[in-house]
Amino acid sequence: FPVTIAVYIHEDGYSDAGASYTSYVESAYFDIGEGTEFSLIDQFIPDFELTRPMTLTITTKYTPNGPEYVKGPFTYDNNTQKFSLRCRGRQVKFRFEMTSNTGFFEVGNPRYRVKPDGKR
């Protein structure tokens, strides 16, 4: 029996045939603290290896079925040590996004500072 083996290369390289594309990583919602009190996020320290600038968008909610409150996008690059912001809620999710035709990024362990902000 003759055997035919086919090898297909899918999504090879860093661009869409030279055109820009948007790549992102987005977390699910998670509770800040115990989820019973409001929390304030006031500082973000990125930990990424980037070839192009990237953006961070933070979305918070007061209740699981409540409206979303969006902060950002905040733009940063490899030289950004930290940035200040003000986001308040019981739940939060992060979206890291880059639009480029040759860019890529590696996610490390980004950090953020959270403070208790009442039970309202």
C-alpha atoms as a PDB file:
ATOM      1  CA  PHE A   1       0.000   0.000   0.000  1.00  0.00           C
ATOM      2  CA  PRO A   2       1.396   3.385  -0.857  1.00  0.00           C
ATOM      3  CA  VAL A   3       1.140   5.782   2.098  1.00  0.00           C
ATOM      4  CA  THR A   4       0.620   9.467   1.570  1.00  0.00           C
ATOM      5  CA  ILE A   5       1.483  11.790   4.418  1.00  0.00           C
ATOM      6  CA  ALA A   6       0.405  15.401   4.281  1.00  0.00           C
ATOM      7  CA  VAL A   7       1.728  18.046   6.640  1.00  0.00           C
ATOM      8  CA  TYR A   8      -0.196  21.290   6.872  1.00  0.00           C
ATOM      9  CA  ILE A   9       1.210  24.438   8.417  1.00  0.00           C
ATOM     10  CA  HIS A  10      -1.492  26.513  10.059  1.00  0.00           C
ATOM     11  CA  GLU A  11      -1.005  30.097  11.265  1.00  0.00           C
ATOM     12  CA  ASP A  12       2.725  30.189  10.635  1.00  0.00           C
ATOM     13  CA  GLY A  13       4.542  33.441  11.440  1.00  0.00           C
ATOM     14  CA  TYR A  14       3.559  36.620  13.230  1.00  0.00           C
ATOM     15  CA  SER A  15       1.253  38.323  10.722  1.00  0.00           C
ATOM     16  CA  ASP A  16      -1.857  37.832   8.661  1.00  0.00           C
ATOM     17  CA  ALA A  17      -0.084  37.739   5.271  1.00  0.00           C
ATOM     18  CA  GLY A  18       1.541  41.067   6.210  1.00  0.00           C
ATOM     19  CA  ALA A  19      -1.681  42.681   7.466  1.00  0.00           C
ATOM     20  CA  SER A  20      -2.217  43.838  11.044  1.00  0.00           C
ATOM     21  CA  TYR A  21      -4.335  41.765  13.378  1.00  0.00           C
ATOM     22  CA  THR A  22      -5.469  42.073  16.979  1.00  0.00           C
ATOM     23  CA  SER A  23      -4.384  39.496  19.532  1.00  0.00           C
ATOM     24  CA  TYR A  24      -5.494  39.520  23.146  1.00  0.00           C
ATOM     25  CA  VAL A  25      -5.644  37.646  26.423  1.00  0.00           C
ATOM     26  CA  GLU A  26      -8.736  38.203  28.575  1.00  0.00           C
ATOM     27  CA  SER A  27      -9.434  36.817  32.019  1.00  0.00           C
ATOM     28  CA  ALA A  28     -12.822  35.759  33.304  1.00  0.00           C
ATOM     29  CA  TYR A  29     -14.423  37.815  36.065  1.00  0.00           C
ATOM     30  CA  PHE A  30     -13.002  37.080  39.490  1.00  0.00           C
ATOM     31  CA  ASP A  31     -13.902  38.387  42.932  1.00  0.00           C
ATOM     32  CA  ILE A  32     -11.707  41.039  44.466  1.00  0.00           C
ATOM     33  CA  GLY A  33     -11.045  39.964  48.043  1.00  0.00           C
ATOM     34  CA  GLU A  34     -14.018  37.981  49.346  1.00  0.00           C
ATOM     35  CA  GLY A  35     -16.466  39.620  46.927  1.00  0.00           C
ATOM     36  CA  THR A  36     -18.563  41.020  49.789  1.00  0.00           C
ATOM     37  CA  GLU A  37     -16.903  44.433  49.966  1.00  0.00           C
ATOM     38  CA  PHE A  38     -16.045  46.965  47.309  1.00  0.00           C
ATOM     39  CA  SER A  39     -12.374  47.187  46.443  1.00  0.00           C
ATOM     40  CA  LEU A  40     -10.345  49.873  44.749  1.00  0.00           C
ATOM     41  CA  ILE A  41      -7.574  48.997  42.296  1.00  0.00           C
ATOM     42  CA  ASP A  42      -5.245  51.989  42.108  1.00  0.00           C
ATOM     43  CA  GLN A  43      -2.002  50.668  40.621  1.00  0.00           C
ATOM     44  CA  PHE A  44      -0.981  48.165  37.944  1.00  0.00           C
ATOM     45  CA  ILE A  45       2.527  46.769  37.396  1.00  0.00           C
ATOM     46  CA  PRO A  46       2.855  45.016  34.015  1.00  0.00           C
ATOM     47  CA  ASP A  47       5.051  41.938  33.550  1.00  0.00           C
ATOM     48  CA  PHE A  48       5.203  41.238  29.827  1.00  0.00           C
ATOM     49  CA  GLU A  49       7.853  40.829  27.164  1.00  0.00           C
ATOM     50  CA  LEU A  50       6.603  42.937  24.248  1.00  0.00           C
ATOM     51  CA  THR A  51       7.703  43.691  20.712  1.00  0.00           C
ATOM     52  CA  ARG A  52       5.116  46.476  20.333  1.00  0.00           C
ATOM     53  CA  PRO A  53       3.078  48.654  22.724  1.00  0.00           C
ATOM     54  CA  MET A  54       0.097  46.930  24.319  1.00  0.00           C
ATOM     55  CA  THR A  55      -3.131  48.067  25.984  1.00  0.00           C
ATOM     56  CA  LEU A  56      -4.862  47.060  29.194  1.00  0.00           C
ATOM     57  CA  THR A  57      -8.616  47.428  29.674  1.00  0.00           C
ATOM     58  CA  ILE A  58     -10.075  46.753  33.128  1.00  0.00           C
ATOM     59  CA  THR A  59     -13.772  45.949  33.529  1.00  0.00           C
ATOM     60  CA  THR A  60     -15.432  45.862  36.950  1.00  0.00           C
ATOM     61  CA  LYS A  61     -18.895  44.955  38.222  1.00  0.00           C
ATOM     62  CA  TYR A  62     -20.668  45.644  41.500  1.00  0.00           C
ATOM     63  CA  THR A  63     -22.865  42.535  41.249  1.00  0.00           C
ATOM     64  CA  PRO A  64     -22.605  39.400  39.076  1.00  0.00           C
ATOM     65  CA  ASN A  65     -25.618  40.388  36.919  1.00  0.00           C
ATOM     66  CA  GLY A  66     -25.029  44.138  37.111  1.00  0.00           C
ATOM     67  CA  PRO A  67     -23.671  46.577  34.536  1.00  0.00           C
ATOM     68  CA  GLU A  68     -20.020  46.621  33.506  1.00  0.00           C
ATOM     69  CA  TYR A  69     -17.764  49.622  34.202  1.00  0.00           C
ATOM     70  CA  VAL A  70     -14.838  49.880  31.778  1.00  0.00           C
ATOM     71  CA  LYS A  71     -11.564  51.697  32.473  1.00  0.00           C
ATOM     72  CA  GLY A  72      -8.996  52.163  29.771  1.00  0.00           C
ATOM     73  CA  PRO A  73      -7.484  51.265  27.476  1.00  0.00           C
ATOM     74  CA  PHE A  74      -4.162  52.093  29.135  1.00  0.00           C
ATOM     75  CA  THR A  75      -1.169  51.853  26.778  1.00  0.00           C
ATOM     76  CA  TYR A  76       2.215  50.569  27.923  1.00  0.00           C
ATOM     77  CA  ASP A  77       5.451  49.089  26.576  1.00  0.00           C
ATOM     78  CA  ASN A  78       8.585  47.348  27.913  1.00  0.00           C
ATOM     79  CA  ASN A  79       9.734  50.584  29.586  1.00  0.00           C
ATOM     80  CA  THR A  80       6.541  51.051  31.626  1.00  0.00           C
ATOM     81  CA  GLN A  81       7.288  50.311  35.284  1.00  0.00           C
ATOM     82  CA  LYS A  82       3.751  50.918  36.610  1.00  0.00           C
ATOM     83  CA  PHE A  83       0.732  53.099  36.052  1.00  0.00           C
ATOM     84  CA  SER A  84      -1.877  54.603  38.303  1.00  0.00           C
ATOM     85  CA  LEU A  85      -5.603  54.185  37.791  1.00  0.00           C
ATOM     86  CA  ARG A  86      -8.859  54.056  39.777  1.00  0.00           C
ATOM     87  CA  CYS A  87     -11.250  51.115  39.361  1.00  0.00           C
ATOM     88  CA  ARG A  88     -13.885  50.194  41.927  1.00  0.00           C
ATOM     89  CA  GLY A  89     -16.014  47.057  42.162  1.00  0.00           C
ATOM     90  CA  ARG A  90     -16.521  43.593  43.624  1.00  0.00           C
ATOM     91  CA  GLN A  91     -15.510  41.710  40.490  1.00  0.00           C
ATOM     92  CA  VAL A  92     -12.872  42.500  37.883  1.00  0.00           C
ATOM     93  CA  LYS A  93     -11.504  41.181  34.609  1.00  0.00           C
ATOM     94  CA  PHE A  94      -8.440  42.211  32.616  1.00  0.00           C
ATOM     95  CA  ARG A  95      -7.957  42.362  28.848  1.00  0.00           C
ATOM     96  CA  PHE A  96      -4.458  42.709  27.381  1.00  0.00           C
ATOM     97  CA  GLU A  97      -4.480  43.578  23.681  1.00  0.00           C
ATOM     98  CA  MET A  98      -2.010  44.265  20.859  1.00  0.00           C
ATOM     99  CA  THR A  99      -2.645  45.239  17.245  1.00  0.00           C
ATOM    100  CA  SER A 100       0.335  44.656  14.981  1.00  0.00           C
ATOM    101  CA  ASN A 101       1.515  42.869  11.865  1.00  0.00           C
ATOM    102  CA  THR A 102       4.802  41.695  13.403  1.00  0.00           C
ATOM    103  CA  GLY A 103       4.258  41.855  17.154  1.00  0.00           C
ATOM    104  CA  PHE A 104       4.003  39.250  19.849  1.00  0.00           C
ATOM    105  CA  PHE A 105       3.971  39.207  23.632  1.00  0.00           C
ATOM    106  CA  GLU A 106       4.753  36.871  26.498  1.00  0.00           C
ATOM    107  CA  VAL A 107       2.717  37.096  29.699  1.00  0.00           C
ATOM    108  CA  GLY A 108       4.574  37.066  33.021  1.00  0.00           C
ATOM    109  CA  ASN A 109       2.989  37.755  36.403  1.00  0.00           C
ATOM    110  CA  PRO A 110       1.376  41.227  36.320  1.00  0.00           C
ATOM    111  CA  ARG A 111       0.525  42.742  39.693  1.00  0.00           C
ATOM    112  CA  TYR A 112      -2.076  45.193  40.876  1.00  0.00           C
ATOM    113  CA  ARG A 113      -2.671  46.989  44.172  1.00  0.00           C
ATOM    114  CA  VAL A 114      -6.072  46.538  45.797  1.00  0.00           C
ATOM    115  CA  LYS A 115      -7.482  48.459  48.776  1.00  0.00           C
ATOM    116  CA  PRO A 116     -10.748  47.855  50.670  1.00  0.00           C
ATOM    117  CA  ASP A 117     -13.339  50.475  49.737  1.00  0.00           C
ATOM    118  CA  GLY A 118     -16.484  49.865  51.843  1.00  0.00           C
ATOM    119  CA  LYS A 119     -19.612  47.719  51.668  1.00  0.00           C
ATOM    120  CA  ARG A 120     -22.008  49.998  49.758  1.00  0.00           C
END
